[in-house]
Amino acid sequence: MTNYLHRLTPAKVWLGVIPTLWWNDDFINIDIGIPYEQALSEMALAGYVGCGVGHKYPTDPKILRPVLELRGLRISEPWVSTYFTIKAMNRHTLESVDAQLDFLEAMEGGSDDPRRADLVVAEFGGAVNPLPVALFPNCPEFSEDQWKQLIEGLHAAGEKARARNRRLCYHPHLGTGVMKTEAIHRLMDETDPRLVNMLLDTAHQAAAGVDPLALARKYAHRIKHVHLKDIRAEVVTKIHTGELSFQQGIEAGIFTVPGDGSIETFPEILDALAEADFAGWICIEAEQDPAKANPLQYAKMGREYLRKLLGW
């Protein structure tokens, strides 16, 4: 393997962490009561410079911004669930995109800091991951009309992001219609690369049977944001064979931080991105039950793994 990892420097690559180590934003009962101020302090203590948006954060940028700045943190991304493939949700979805773009402008306030947040989206029309149903057997498959609606909707959202000098990054997600290899390829093939980028989530892809290294190599120039997390293969098997829901899979420990699970190709994945001169956010994530996995311990574990790979 030719090593391009030296190209991933702190000047153009920023290491963040997603607050799902401290609580779950989809299943709010997965929570042991850690306040957001503690979570942010532990993120900074573990050595990160940014974070995703969690549901416990203050929604007023005038409150949230100084709390982050005190700890040397910036927002790496807000999340928008899109609903382009179901009826009467197009306007609502695009309004949500506008709201998050407004939020980012207020958070960054005209700063010339290069660490700008990306807009992360995933199509949740027909998604089963929020539901108490078997995850893999019930994932939606889009009709031709739904694919058309999704592509057009993403282009409209991407235009809004580009007009604000933001990158829209699509997150292929377990339990949705863009989960399997064929669907990811179709989304990339049919969207305009000027408007729609990819968020590579190594664990969601691996758990769905998609090779994250193959994706990294094929779409290196379109991957602009990374969620770096690991899977526990035995739990993925249990979800398949036991027909567990997404929540049950999280509670059983399907996800962990890089280096603590079954994915062995993180060096090659990051090397492929480095070869394509990746610049942006790489965020450690591990949707875990904080009662079973101490958030600070795992945040430090993930950061140490990156330190060993990147040298910083």
C-alpha atoms as a PDB file:
ATOM      1  CA  MET A   1       0.000   0.000   0.000  1.00  0.00           C
ATOM      2  CA  THR A   2       1.350   3.416  -0.950  1.00  0.00           C
ATOM      3  CA  ASN A   3       1.079   5.572   2.149  1.00  0.00           C
ATOM      4  CA  TYR A   4      -0.545   8.946   1.625  1.00  0.00           C
ATOM      5  CA  LEU A   5      -1.602   9.402   5.257  1.00  0.00           C
ATOM      6  CA  HIS A   6       0.990  12.144   5.707  1.00  0.00           C
ATOM      7  CA  ARG A   7      -1.280  14.326   3.565  1.00  0.00           C
ATOM      8  CA  LEU A   8      -3.937  14.292   6.295  1.00  0.00           C
ATOM      9  CA  THR A   9      -2.695  17.211   8.381  1.00  0.00           C
ATOM     10  CA  PRO A  10      -4.386  19.328  11.079  1.00  0.00           C
ATOM     11  CA  ALA A  11      -4.338  22.249   8.659  1.00  0.00           C
ATOM     12  CA  LYS A  12      -6.985  20.665   6.447  1.00  0.00           C
ATOM     13  CA  VAL A  13      -8.412  17.713   8.379  1.00  0.00           C
ATOM     14  CA  TRP A  14     -10.329  18.329  11.590  1.00  0.00           C
ATOM     15  CA  LEU A  15     -11.136  15.620  14.087  1.00  0.00           C
ATOM     16  CA  GLY A  16     -14.574  15.691  15.644  1.00  0.00           C
ATOM     17  CA  VAL A  17     -16.803  13.392  17.647  1.00  0.00           C
ATOM     18  CA  ILE A  18     -20.540  12.714  17.511  1.00  0.00           C
ATOM     19  CA  PRO A  19     -22.490  12.990  20.790  1.00  0.00           C
ATOM     20  CA  THR A  20     -24.078   9.542  20.370  1.00  0.00           C
ATOM     21  CA  LEU A  21     -21.335   8.279  22.670  1.00  0.00           C
ATOM     22  CA  TRP A  22     -22.997  10.231  25.507  1.00  0.00           C
ATOM     23  CA  TRP A  23     -26.667   9.682  24.607  1.00  0.00           C
ATOM     24  CA  ASN A  24     -28.700   8.557  21.609  1.00  0.00           C
ATOM     25  CA  ASP A  25     -30.457  11.145  19.487  1.00  0.00           C
ATOM     26  CA  ASP A  26     -32.841   8.667  17.846  1.00  0.00           C
ATOM     27  CA  PHE A  27     -33.811   6.690  20.941  1.00  0.00           C
ATOM     28  CA  ILE A  28     -33.837   9.160  23.805  1.00  0.00           C
ATOM     29  CA  ASN A  29     -34.353   6.414  26.375  1.00  0.00           C
ATOM     30  CA  ILE A  30     -30.728   5.365  25.727  1.00  0.00           C
ATOM     31  CA  ASP A  31     -29.466   7.957  28.182  1.00  0.00           C
ATOM     32  CA  ILE A  32     -27.976   7.977  31.670  1.00  0.00           C
ATOM     33  CA  GLY A  33     -28.533  11.692  32.229  1.00  0.00           C
ATOM     34  CA  ILE A  34     -25.201  13.178  31.164  1.00  0.00           C
ATOM     35  CA  PRO A  35     -25.734  16.944  30.645  1.00  0.00           C
ATOM     36  CA  TYR A  36     -24.549  18.495  27.425  1.00  0.00           C
ATOM     37  CA  GLU A  37     -21.966  20.664  29.209  1.00  0.00           C
ATOM     38  CA  GLN A  38     -20.248  17.546  30.561  1.00  0.00           C
ATOM     39  CA  ALA A  39     -20.345  15.875  27.159  1.00  0.00           C
ATOM     40  CA  LEU A  40     -18.740  18.910  25.495  1.00  0.00           C
ATOM     41  CA  SER A  41     -16.054  19.130  28.174  1.00  0.00           C
ATOM     42  CA  GLU A  42     -15.235  15.456  27.720  1.00  0.00           C
ATOM     43  CA  MET A  43     -15.046  15.893  23.951  1.00  0.00           C
ATOM     44  CA  ALA A  44     -12.452  18.618  24.404  1.00  0.00           C
ATOM     45  CA  LEU A  45     -10.629  16.625  27.079  1.00  0.00           C
ATOM     46  CA  ALA A  46     -10.374  13.665  24.703  1.00  0.00           C
ATOM     47  CA  GLY A  47      -8.659  15.874  22.119  1.00  0.00           C
ATOM     48  CA  TYR A  48     -11.337  16.752  19.565  1.00  0.00           C
ATOM     49  CA  VAL A  49     -11.850  20.143  17.941  1.00  0.00           C
ATOM     50  CA  GLY A  50     -15.434  19.694  16.785  1.00  0.00           C
ATOM     51  CA  CYS A  51     -18.677  17.838  17.317  1.00  0.00           C
ATOM     52  CA  GLY A  52     -21.985  16.979  15.751  1.00  0.00           C
ATOM     53  CA  VAL A  53     -25.214  18.522  17.024  1.00  0.00           C
ATOM     54  CA  GLY A  54     -27.020  16.625  19.766  1.00  0.00           C
ATOM     55  CA  HIS A  55     -30.641  16.983  20.862  1.00  0.00           C
ATOM     56  CA  LYS A  56     -29.565  18.180  24.319  1.00  0.00           C
ATOM     57  CA  TYR A  57     -27.691  21.191  22.955  1.00  0.00           C
ATOM     58  CA  PRO A  58     -29.257  24.653  23.329  1.00  0.00           C
ATOM     59  CA  THR A  59     -30.938  25.587  20.055  1.00  0.00           C
ATOM     60  CA  ASP A  60     -30.103  29.282  20.409  1.00  0.00           C
ATOM     61  CA  PRO A  61     -26.716  29.966  18.771  1.00  0.00           C
ATOM     62  CA  LYS A  62     -26.184  32.886  21.163  1.00  0.00           C
ATOM     63  CA  ILE A  63     -26.108  30.355  24.000  1.00  0.00           C
ATOM     64  CA  LEU A  64     -24.453  27.429  22.247  1.00  0.00           C
ATOM     65  CA  ARG A  65     -21.655  29.276  20.469  1.00  0.00           C
ATOM     66  CA  PRO A  66     -19.866  30.613  23.578  1.00  0.00           C
ATOM     67  CA  VAL A  67     -20.253  27.246  25.323  1.00  0.00           C
ATOM     68  CA  LEU A  68     -18.434  25.596  22.417  1.00  0.00           C
ATOM     69  CA  GLU A  69     -15.829  28.340  22.087  1.00  0.00           C
ATOM     70  CA  LEU A  70     -14.981  28.028  25.783  1.00  0.00           C
ATOM     71  CA  ARG A  71     -13.925  24.444  25.091  1.00  0.00           C
ATOM     72  CA  GLY A  72     -12.229  25.076  21.737  1.00  0.00           C
ATOM     73  CA  LEU A  73     -14.960  23.237  19.812  1.00  0.00           C
ATOM     74  CA  ARG A  74     -16.848  23.935  16.598  1.00  0.00           C
ATOM     75  CA  ILE A  75     -19.874  22.305  15.038  1.00  0.00           C
ATOM     76  CA  SER A  76     -18.852  19.704  12.447  1.00  0.00           C
ATOM     77  CA  GLU A  77     -22.363  19.146  11.093  1.00  0.00           C
ATOM     78  CA  PRO A  78     -26.050  19.416  11.737  1.00  0.00           C
ATOM     79  CA  TRP A  79     -28.340  16.601  10.593  1.00  0.00           C
ATOM     80  CA  VAL A  80     -31.385  16.855   8.320  1.00  0.00           C
ATOM     81  CA  SER A  81     -33.665  13.872   7.771  1.00  0.00           C
ATOM     82  CA  THR A  82     -35.090  14.280   4.282  1.00  0.00           C
ATOM     83  CA  TYR A  83     -38.496  12.971   3.214  1.00  0.00           C
ATOM     84  CA  PHE A  84     -38.470  13.467  -0.539  1.00  0.00           C
ATOM     85  CA  THR A  85     -39.823   9.985  -1.330  1.00  0.00           C
ATOM     86  CA  ILE A  86     -43.119  10.292   0.556  1.00  0.00           C
ATOM     87  CA  LYS A  87     -46.120  12.531  -0.046  1.00  0.00           C
ATOM     88  CA  ALA A  88     -46.501  16.149   0.994  1.00  0.00           C
ATOM     89  CA  MET A  89     -43.077  16.437   2.641  1.00  0.00           C
ATOM     90  CA  ASN A  90     -40.980  18.208  -0.007  1.00  0.00           C
ATOM     91  CA  ARG A  91     -41.635  21.742   1.236  1.00  0.00           C
ATOM     92  CA  HIS A  92     -41.192  20.715   4.877  1.00  0.00           C
ATOM     93  CA  THR A  93     -37.880  19.041   4.062  1.00  0.00           C
ATOM     94  CA  LEU A  94     -36.480  22.038   2.219  1.00  0.00           C
ATOM     95  CA  GLU A  95     -37.598  24.324   5.046  1.00  0.00           C
ATOM     96  CA  SER A  96     -35.625  22.097   7.436  1.00  0.00           C
ATOM     97  CA  VAL A  97     -32.593  22.474   5.170  1.00  0.00           C
ATOM     98  CA  ASP A  98     -32.964  26.269   5.262  1.00  0.00           C
ATOM     99  CA  ALA A  99     -33.322  26.226   9.045  1.00  0.00           C
ATOM    100  CA  GLN A 100     -30.101  24.272   9.534  1.00  0.00           C
ATOM    101  CA  LEU A 101     -28.226  26.477   7.090  1.00  0.00           C
ATOM    102  CA  ASP A 102     -29.457  29.516   9.036  1.00  0.00           C
ATOM    103  CA  PHE A 103     -28.286  27.855  12.246  1.00  0.00           C
ATOM    104  CA  LEU A 104     -24.808  27.311  10.826  1.00  0.00           C
ATOM    105  CA  GLU A 105     -24.520  30.910   9.670  1.00  0.00           C
ATOM    106  CA  ALA A 106     -25.446  32.078  13.162  1.00  0.00           C
ATOM    107  CA  MET A 107     -22.999  29.637  14.758  1.00  0.00           C
ATOM    108  CA  GLU A 108     -20.061  30.601  12.571  1.00  0.00           C
ATOM    109  CA  GLY A 109     -20.935  34.276  12.400  1.00  0.00           C
ATOM    110  CA  GLY A 110     -18.829  35.267   9.414  1.00  0.00           C
ATOM    111  CA  SER A 111     -15.698  33.675  10.865  1.00  0.00           C
ATOM    112  CA  ASP A 112     -12.842  33.086   8.431  1.00  0.00           C
ATOM    113  CA  ASP A 113     -11.941  29.848  10.247  1.00  0.00           C
ATOM    114  CA  PRO A 114     -11.598  27.160   7.535  1.00  0.00           C
ATOM    115  CA  ARG A 115     -13.297  24.542   9.746  1.00  0.00           C
ATOM    116  CA  ARG A 116     -16.740  25.056   8.234  1.00  0.00           C
ATOM    117  CA  ALA A 117     -19.526  22.644   9.034  1.00  0.00           C
ATOM    118  CA  ASP A 118     -21.090  20.453   6.371  1.00  0.00           C
ATOM    119  CA  LEU A 119     -24.811  19.765   5.994  1.00  0.00           C
ATOM    120  CA  VAL A 120     -25.456  16.048   6.538  1.00  0.00           C
ATOM    121  CA  VAL A 121     -28.638  14.497   5.139  1.00  0.00           C
ATOM    122  CA  ALA A 122     -30.228  11.069   4.755  1.00  0.00           C
ATOM    123  CA  GLU A 123     -33.529  10.081   3.169  1.00  0.00           C
ATOM    124  CA  PHE A 124     -35.861   8.782   5.878  1.00  0.00           C
ATOM    125  CA  GLY A 125     -38.960   8.354   3.737  1.00  0.00           C
ATOM    126  CA  GLY A 126     -40.169   4.839   4.556  1.00  0.00           C
ATOM    127  CA  ALA A 127     -37.207   4.244   6.873  1.00  0.00           C
ATOM    128  CA  VAL A 128     -37.564   1.440   9.416  1.00  0.00           C
ATOM    129  CA  ASN A 129     -34.595   2.212  11.655  1.00  0.00           C
ATOM    130  CA  PRO A 130     -36.749   4.333  14.022  1.00  0.00           C
ATOM    131  CA  LEU A 131     -39.336   1.539  14.276  1.00  0.00           C
ATOM    132  CA  PRO A 132     -39.489  -1.513  16.598  1.00  0.00           C
ATOM    133  CA  VAL A 133     -39.320  -3.907  13.647  1.00  0.00           C
ATOM    134  CA  ALA A 134     -36.724  -6.290  12.247  1.00  0.00           C
ATOM    135  CA  LEU A 135     -34.167  -4.025  10.593  1.00  0.00           C
ATOM    136  CA  PHE A 136     -32.857  -5.848   7.557  1.00  0.00           C
ATOM    137  CA  PRO A 137     -35.980  -7.632   6.252  1.00  0.00           C
ATOM    138  CA  ASN A 138     -38.035  -4.429   6.243  1.00  0.00           C
ATOM    139  CA  CYS A 139     -35.732  -1.863   4.652  1.00  0.00           C
ATOM    140  CA  PRO A 140     -37.547   0.078   1.915  1.00  0.00           C
ATOM    141  CA  GLU A 141     -36.755  -0.237  -1.778  1.00  0.00           C
ATOM    142  CA  PHE A 142     -37.623   2.840  -3.790  1.00  0.00           C
ATOM    143  CA  SER A 143     -39.777   2.806  -6.916  1.00  0.00           C
ATOM    144  CA  GLU A 144     -38.571   4.568 -10.048  1.00  0.00           C
ATOM    145  CA  ASP A 145     -40.803   7.524  -9.190  1.00  0.00           C
ATOM    146  CA  GLN A 146     -39.373   7.696  -5.687  1.00  0.00           C
ATOM    147  CA  TRP A 147     -35.832   7.672  -7.050  1.00  0.00           C
ATOM    148  CA  LYS A 148     -36.760  10.588  -9.305  1.00  0.00           C
ATOM    149  CA  GLN A 149     -38.218  12.496  -6.359  1.00  0.00           C
ATOM    150  CA  LEU A 150     -35.149  11.783  -4.235  1.00  0.00           C
ATOM    151  CA  ILE A 151     -32.650  12.920  -6.858  1.00  0.00           C
ATOM    152  CA  GLU A 152     -34.609  16.098  -7.608  1.00  0.00           C
ATOM    153  CA  GLY A 153     -35.020  16.832  -3.912  1.00  0.00           C
ATOM    154  CA  LEU A 154     -31.347  16.340  -3.154  1.00  0.00           C
ATOM    155  CA  HIS A 155     -30.418  18.623  -6.029  1.00  0.00           C
ATOM    156  CA  ALA A 156     -32.728  21.314  -4.634  1.00  0.00           C
ATOM    157  CA  ALA A 157     -31.220  20.911  -1.164  1.00  0.00           C
ATOM    158  CA  GLY A 158     -27.722  20.878  -2.643  1.00  0.00           C
ATOM    159  CA  GLU A 159     -28.384  24.133  -4.473  1.00  0.00           C
ATOM    160  CA  LYS A 160     -29.429  25.710  -1.180  1.00  0.00           C
ATOM    161  CA  ALA A 161     -26.247  24.479   0.496  1.00  0.00           C
ATOM    162  CA  ARG A 162     -24.005  25.622  -2.348  1.00  0.00           C
ATOM    163  CA  ALA A 163     -25.598  29.069  -2.292  1.00  0.00           C
ATOM    164  CA  ARG A 164     -24.399  29.344   1.317  1.00  0.00           C
ATOM    165  CA  ASN A 165     -20.931  27.972   0.508  1.00  0.00           C
ATOM    166  CA  ARG A 166     -21.771  24.681   2.241  1.00  0.00           C
ATOM    167  CA  ARG A 167     -21.279  21.092   1.171  1.00  0.00           C
ATOM    168  CA  LEU A 168     -24.280  18.770   1.294  1.00  0.00           C
ATOM    169  CA  CYS A 169     -23.095  15.292   2.266  1.00  0.00           C
ATOM    170  CA  TYR A 170     -25.384  12.295   1.891  1.00  0.00           C
ATOM    171  CA  HIS A 171     -25.222   9.644   4.634  1.00  0.00           C
ATOM    172  CA  PRO A 172     -26.184   6.107   3.488  1.00  0.00           C
ATOM    173  CA  HIS A 173     -27.926   4.822   6.623  1.00  0.00           C
ATOM    174  CA  LEU A 174     -29.080   1.471   7.967  1.00  0.00           C
ATOM    175  CA  GLY A 175     -32.816   0.982   7.711  1.00  0.00           C
ATOM    176  CA  THR A 176     -33.288   3.367   4.775  1.00  0.00           C
ATOM    177  CA  GLY A 177     -33.741   3.048   1.035  1.00  0.00           C
ATOM    178  CA  VAL A 178     -30.103   4.025   0.442  1.00  0.00           C
ATOM    179  CA  MET A 179     -28.381   1.338   2.466  1.00  0.00           C
ATOM    180  CA  LYS A 180     -27.273  -1.382   0.061  1.00  0.00           C
ATOM    181  CA  THR A 181     -24.388  -1.224  -2.399  1.00  0.00           C
ATOM    182  CA  GLU A 182     -26.581  -0.926  -5.499  1.00  0.00           C
ATOM    183  CA  ALA A 183     -28.602   1.937  -4.010  1.00  0.00           C
ATOM    184  CA  ILE A 184     -25.475   3.850  -2.978  1.00  0.00           C
ATOM    185  CA  HIS A 185     -24.026   3.490  -6.472  1.00  0.00           C
ATOM    186  CA  ARG A 186     -27.284   4.658  -8.034  1.00  0.00           C
ATOM    187  CA  LEU A 187     -27.444   7.706  -5.783  1.00  0.00           C
ATOM    188  CA  MET A 188     -23.885   8.666  -6.700  1.00  0.00           C
ATOM    189  CA  ASP A 189     -24.410   7.961 -10.396  1.00  0.00           C
ATOM    190  CA  GLU A 190     -27.594  10.018 -10.680  1.00  0.00           C
ATOM    191  CA  THR A 191     -26.727  13.024  -8.545  1.00  0.00           C
ATOM    192  CA  ASP A 192     -24.727  16.054  -9.602  1.00  0.00           C
ATOM    193  CA  PRO A 193     -21.300  15.931  -7.900  1.00  0.00           C
ATOM    194  CA  ARG A 194     -21.362  19.712  -7.646  1.00  0.00           C
ATOM    195  CA  LEU A 195     -24.434  19.485  -5.407  1.00  0.00           C
ATOM    196  CA  VAL A 196     -24.337  16.119  -3.631  1.00  0.00           C
ATOM    197  CA  ASN A 197     -21.298  14.695  -1.871  1.00  0.00           C
ATOM    198  CA  MET A 198     -20.998  11.497   0.149  1.00  0.00           C
ATOM    199  CA  LEU A 199     -20.598  11.057   3.858  1.00  0.00           C
ATOM    200  CA  LEU A 200     -18.733   7.799   4.397  1.00  0.00           C
ATOM    201  CA  ASP A 201     -19.970   6.074   7.551  1.00  0.00           C
ATOM    202  CA  THR A 202     -17.725   3.043   7.826  1.00  0.00           C
ATOM    203  CA  ALA A 203     -19.927   1.161  10.295  1.00  0.00           C
ATOM    204  CA  HIS A 204     -23.304   1.747   8.653  1.00  0.00           C
ATOM    205  CA  GLN A 205     -21.826   0.626   5.375  1.00  0.00           C
ATOM    206  CA  ALA A 206     -20.066  -2.443   6.791  1.00  0.00           C
ATOM    207  CA  ALA A 207     -23.123  -3.535   8.789  1.00  0.00           C
ATOM    208  CA  ALA A 208     -25.244  -3.316   5.625  1.00  0.00           C
ATOM    209  CA  GLY A 209     -22.840  -5.618   3.791  1.00  0.00           C
ATOM    210  CA  VAL A 210     -21.220  -2.772   1.854  1.00  0.00           C
ATOM    211  CA  ASP A 211     -17.423  -2.668   1.646  1.00  0.00           C
ATOM    212  CA  PRO A 212     -16.404   0.742   3.038  1.00  0.00           C
ATOM    213  CA  LEU A 213     -12.924   0.446   1.523  1.00  0.00           C
ATOM    214  CA  ALA A 214     -14.370  -0.168  -1.938  1.00  0.00           C
ATOM    215  CA  LEU A 215     -16.594   2.896  -1.504  1.00  0.00           C
ATOM    216  CA  ALA A 216     -13.654   4.985  -0.322  1.00  0.00           C
ATOM    217  CA  ARG A 217     -11.632   4.021  -3.359  1.00  0.00           C
ATOM    218  CA  LYS A 218     -14.450   4.463  -5.878  1.00  0.00           C
ATOM    219  CA  TYR A 219     -15.808   7.747  -4.523  1.00  0.00           C
ATOM    220  CA  ALA A 220     -12.746   9.266  -2.866  1.00  0.00           C
ATOM    221  CA  HIS A 221     -13.190  12.555  -4.704  1.00  0.00           C
ATOM    222  CA  ARG A 222     -16.853  12.821  -3.634  1.00  0.00           C
ATOM    223  CA  ILE A 223     -16.399  11.861   0.011  1.00  0.00           C
ATOM    224  CA  LYS A 224     -16.233  15.160   1.869  1.00  0.00           C
ATOM    225  CA  HIS A 225     -17.189  14.050   5.392  1.00  0.00           C
ATOM    226  CA  VAL A 226     -16.434  10.903   7.391  1.00  0.00           C
ATOM    227  CA  HIS A 227     -18.026   9.160  10.363  1.00  0.00           C
ATOM    228  CA  LEU A 228     -15.356   6.747  11.480  1.00  0.00           C
ATOM    229  CA  LYS A 229     -16.798   3.984  13.586  1.00  0.00           C
ATOM    230  CA  ASP A 230     -16.448   0.241  13.957  1.00  0.00           C
ATOM    231  CA  ILE A 231     -18.831  -2.704  14.151  1.00  0.00           C
ATOM    232  CA  ARG A 232     -18.960  -5.817  16.264  1.00  0.00           C
ATOM    233  CA  ALA A 233     -19.490  -8.527  13.646  1.00  0.00           C
ATOM    234  CA  GLU A 234     -21.115 -10.941  16.064  1.00  0.00           C
ATOM    235  CA  VAL A 235     -23.823  -8.375  16.831  1.00  0.00           C
ATOM    236  CA  VAL A 236     -24.417  -7.715  13.127  1.00  0.00           C
ATOM    237  CA  THR A 237     -24.946 -11.467  12.704  1.00  0.00           C
ATOM    238  CA  LYS A 238     -27.306 -11.464  15.668  1.00  0.00           C
ATOM    239  CA  ILE A 239     -29.354  -8.663  14.095  1.00  0.00           C
ATOM    240  CA  HIS A 240     -29.644 -10.644  10.876  1.00  0.00           C
ATOM    241  CA  THR A 241     -30.400 -14.024  12.423  1.00  0.00           C
ATOM    242  CA  GLY A 242     -32.457 -12.783  15.343  1.00  0.00           C
ATOM    243  CA  GLU A 243     -34.243 -10.166  13.260  1.00  0.00           C
ATOM    244  CA  LEU A 244     -33.530  -7.400  15.748  1.00  0.00           C
ATOM    245  CA  SER A 245     -34.585  -3.793  15.362  1.00  0.00           C
ATOM    246  CA  PHE A 246     -32.051  -0.996  14.973  1.00  0.00           C
ATOM    247  CA  GLN A 247     -32.542   0.043  18.598  1.00  0.00           C
ATOM    248  CA  GLN A 248     -32.051  -3.515  19.791  1.00  0.00           C
ATOM    249  CA  GLY A 249     -28.875  -3.689  17.728  1.00  0.00           C
ATOM    250  CA  ILE A 250     -27.523  -0.524  19.334  1.00  0.00           C
ATOM    251  CA  GLU A 251     -28.388  -1.810  22.796  1.00  0.00           C
ATOM    252  CA  ALA A 252     -26.642  -5.102  21.960  1.00  0.00           C
ATOM    253  CA  GLY A 253     -23.485  -3.184  20.981  1.00  0.00           C
ATOM    254  CA  ILE A 254     -23.437  -3.234  17.173  1.00  0.00           C
ATOM    255  CA  PHE A 255     -21.214  -0.122  17.070  1.00  0.00           C
ATOM    256  CA  THR A 256     -17.961   0.879  18.727  1.00  0.00           C
ATOM    257  CA  VAL A 257     -15.035   3.209  18.035  1.00  0.00           C
ATOM    258  CA  PRO A 258     -12.379   2.388  15.413  1.00  0.00           C
ATOM    259  CA  GLY A 259      -9.914  -0.255  16.496  1.00  0.00           C
ATOM    260  CA  ASP A 260     -12.307  -1.845  18.966  1.00  0.00           C
ATOM    261  CA  GLY A 261     -14.345  -3.899  16.497  1.00  0.00           C
ATOM    262  CA  SER A 262     -14.215  -5.961  13.329  1.00  0.00           C
ATOM    263  CA  ILE A 263     -13.277  -3.486  10.576  1.00  0.00           C
ATOM    264  CA  GLU A 264      -9.610  -3.922   9.722  1.00  0.00           C
ATOM    265  CA  THR A 265      -9.291  -1.573   6.757  1.00  0.00           C
ATOM    266  CA  PHE A 266      -9.297   1.855   8.434  1.00  0.00           C
ATOM    267  CA  PRO A 267      -5.673   2.586   7.389  1.00  0.00           C
ATOM    268  CA  GLU A 268      -6.479   1.750   3.758  1.00  0.00           C
ATOM    269  CA  ILE A 269      -9.725   3.761   3.859  1.00  0.00           C
ATOM    270  CA  LEU A 270      -7.981   6.867   5.149  1.00  0.00           C
ATOM    271  CA  ASP A 271      -5.114   6.313   2.707  1.00  0.00           C
ATOM    272  CA  ALA A 272      -7.546   6.282  -0.227  1.00  0.00           C
ATOM    273  CA  LEU A 273      -9.071   9.556   0.975  1.00  0.00           C
ATOM    274  CA  ALA A 274      -5.632  11.073   1.537  1.00  0.00           C
ATOM    275  CA  GLU A 275      -4.579  10.158  -1.994  1.00  0.00           C
ATOM    276  CA  ALA A 276      -7.601  12.151  -3.218  1.00  0.00           C
ATOM    277  CA  ASP A 277      -6.468  15.110  -1.064  1.00  0.00           C
ATOM    278  CA  PHE A 278      -9.363  14.836   1.368  1.00  0.00           C
ATOM    279  CA  ALA A 279      -9.996  17.988   3.368  1.00  0.00           C
ATOM    280  CA  GLY A 280     -12.743  18.231   5.957  1.00  0.00           C
ATOM    281  CA  TRP A 281     -14.159  16.598   9.049  1.00  0.00           C
ATOM    282  CA  ILE A 282     -13.337  13.085  10.218  1.00  0.00           C
ATOM    283  CA  CYS A 283     -15.589  12.345  13.171  1.00  0.00           C
ATOM    284  CA  ILE A 284     -15.321   9.463  15.595  1.00  0.00           C
ATOM    285  CA  GLU A 285     -18.687   7.929  16.368  1.00  0.00           C
ATOM    286  CA  ALA A 286     -20.009   4.958  18.302  1.00  0.00           C
ATOM    287  CA  GLU A 287     -23.760   4.809  18.886  1.00  0.00           C
ATOM    288  CA  GLN A 288     -23.526   2.982  22.200  1.00  0.00           C
ATOM    289  CA  ASP A 289     -25.404   2.692  25.459  1.00  0.00           C
ATOM    290  CA  PRO A 290     -23.470   4.964  27.859  1.00  0.00           C
ATOM    291  CA  ALA A 291     -24.518   2.697  30.735  1.00  0.00           C
ATOM    292  CA  LYS A 292     -22.413  -0.053  29.156  1.00  0.00           C
ATOM    293  CA  ALA A 293     -19.657   1.961  27.440  1.00  0.00           C
ATOM    294  CA  ASN A 294     -18.150   4.906  29.318  1.00  0.00           C
ATOM    295  CA  PRO A 295     -18.336   7.799  26.815  1.00  0.00           C
ATOM    296  CA  LEU A 296     -15.094   9.527  27.796  1.00  0.00           C
ATOM    297  CA  GLN A 297     -13.199   6.236  27.778  1.00  0.00           C
ATOM    298  CA  TYR A 298     -14.378   5.404  24.271  1.00  0.00           C
ATOM    299  CA  ALA A 299     -13.898   8.971  23.010  1.00  0.00           C
ATOM    300  CA  LYS A 300     -10.274   8.824  24.174  1.00  0.00           C
ATOM    301  CA  MET A 301      -9.884   5.351  22.669  1.00  0.00           C
ATOM    302  CA  GLY A 302     -11.059   6.588  19.266  1.00  0.00           C
ATOM    303  CA  ARG A 303      -8.840   9.650  19.409  1.00  0.00           C
ATOM    304  CA  GLU A 304      -5.816   7.547  20.337  1.00  0.00           C
ATOM    305  CA  TYR A 305      -6.504   5.250  17.399  1.00  0.00           C
ATOM    306  CA  LEU A 306      -6.425   8.232  15.049  1.00  0.00           C
ATOM    307  CA  ARG A 307      -3.288   9.551  16.699  1.00  0.00           C
ATOM    308  CA  LYS A 308      -1.501   6.278  16.011  1.00  0.00           C
ATOM    309  CA  LEU A 309      -2.648   6.301  12.373  1.00  0.00           C
ATOM    310  CA  LEU A 310      -2.094   9.970  11.582  1.00  0.00           C
ATOM    311  CA  GLY A 311       0.753  10.811  13.934  1.00  0.00           C
ATOM    312  CA  TRP A 312      -1.121  13.699  15.570  1.00  0.00           C
END
